[in-house]
Amino acid sequence: MAEPGGGPSAHPDRFAAENLPPRELWPDFDYDSLPELRAYPARMNCAAILLDGTAAAGHRDRPVLHFGDASWSYGALQDLSERIARVLVEDCRLVPGNRVLLRSANTPMLVACWFAVLKAGGICVTTMQLLRARELVHIVEKAQVSHALCDLALMEEMEAARDRTGGLLRHLLTFTPLGDRPDRASLDRAAAGKPAGFANCDTAADDVALIAFTSGTTGNPKATMHFHRDVIAMCDCFPRYFDMSAPDDVFAGTPPLAFTFGLGGLTAFPMRFGASTRFFPGPMAPEEMIEAVARHRITSLYTAPTAYRTMADIAGRHDLSSLAKCVSAGETLPRATWEAFHDATGIPIVDGLGSTEMLHIFVAERRGGEGAGLTRRGGPGGRGRHGGRGREAMRAGFTGRAIPGYRARIVDEAGDTLPPGEPGLLAVQGPTGCRYLDDVDRQQVYVRDGWNYPGDVYETDADGYFRYVARADDMIISAGYNISGPEVEAALLDHPAVAECAVIAKPDAARTNIVKAFVVLRQGTPDGAATVQRLQDFVKAEIAPYKYPREIQFVGELPKTETGKMQRFRLREQEISRG
């Protein structure tokens, strides 16, 4: 099916295999650059490796998940996932290769369901909890979903979606966050009646394990397919070689598990190395998250740049001495945010560049820089465990370099490598890569000549560090000048009055486009013409004057996806509709 040596598929349901893109449109994969990747067997089930294998390696009685006052051990999670797998196979007649939609906030039961589906040989299709029936119908039909496991609190939209899919979704079971309400939830009840112990499906390393939908920052979400091997590879590159997970770590963060940034950072990464994760009963504002870090002695945090910017302002009020490993993804991390958080906490944020198509991070820089000696700090006032040399060793404003297992370069439209300092398209190869579900046209845009093209414009310095310039569709052409929208955003964010901003191209008859900024001001800042002028003058003094925003609109909030990514396309559509 995929790479040589994978052996026959364990999936009688061939939908996923038959809807992979043609092999000639796949990117080239590299399994030789790291010893861990070379050692993968032909048959592997990523659930067995991450859960059963970690439990058997001495972690069975150690905590894996925390939720409110409850903590689950690896052994408890394994037992429950096996009972749920029995429900799927024995009661719901799941056939290996069937797609199973999971709908829930981040809870222990969602993790148990995720592992159960994979153990049974199913394919996980985890969805954002805020999706409405219309959006769920698109996912059910695109992935031909036959089974769904849904949090009881989110059933209304799920039932509406089922009713609109003409019998395609045949099995729908409900659960509660801890799986402990058999009186109310059908899956809780069914699982309670099953014994533990389950023979995992003997999947090939290149059987599809999950179908992940992109977050929709540029329009309708696309479906990407990833193998069992891919899930383990993402753990054996970034967290292993960047020292991002150890058994004593406690992970937390805001990305949902439906977002592959969250799947890796809050489930796969900690479990690959015997660590634990704390989930929270509801959405966490940055102020609440930083309080939780102090209260629960969290060591590893995964969230978006906007959250780090808010947390930098209040870090000094909390004891963050436990916090050591902070990762930002979803949007590029502005230099001003990196510096503000580092100044407030002593912790260098790892700016991870990844994508749903590539599964997780492929460009980043080690905490403190390669080989940097990090000093220990702690105590109230915000200084975390790894302060000190971050600012000097890491290059604020640069994302980093290709992580072990991957290679990256900057190319022109013809695919030729560009020299340092010249912006161009980012091209990437490694052990994971893009395979769209039944979307050949999109596949040909993302993959060219064996390289993945995430759609980002970057440039490198003389040492090979990558600096973000813009999304390819965020470059603004105005009066013949090429202007990076994120560069203007970064300049605006350096002004103390600006809390958030987004910059787009606004159509203009005289200049083709002008730079327009949407700005969320900090509390107490007036939103009149004087503030517009002050911000424009500030940008002119920070970067080339022709790049300044000729129009600034103050707004109360900016459009974002559920994962915190800015939806600039909505702002562009808004301007176009105004004509």
Foldseek 3Di string as FASTA:
>chain_A
DADPQLDDFLFPPCQQVVQWPPPVLFFDADQDQDPVSVPDHSWDQLLCLLQVVLCVVPFQQPFAEAEVPDTDGSVRLQQLLQLLLCCCCVVVVDTQAAEEEEADFDFSVSVSPLSNCSQNNYAYQYDYNPDALVLVLVVCVLRLHQHYEYAPVSVPRVVVNCVPNVCSHPYYWYAHRVLCCLVPTVSSVSSVPGGGDDRGRRGTQADWHYWAWFQQLPHGTFTWTDGSVLLVVVQCWPCVVQVPEAQAAEEEEQFGCSFLQCVVRARRNHSSHNHYYYDYPDGAQLVRVLVCCQVVLHAEYEAAQLSLQVCLVVLLQGWNASYAAAEHDQDFHFLLSQVSSCVQALWGYWYFYDGVQQSGGFFTAHTLGPPHDFQQDTDHRHHYGGGDRRPVRDPRQFNHAGIRFKHKFFAAPVRHGDDAPDKHWIWMHGNGGGITRNCNPVSCVQGDPSTGTPQFIWGAHPVRTIGGQARNQQFEQWQNDTHGFVVQQSQLVNDQQFSGKGWHWFQDPPTRTFIEMETETDPPDDDDPVVVVVSLVSSVVVDPNRRGGPYYHYDNDFDDGSRRHGNVVVVRVVNVVVD
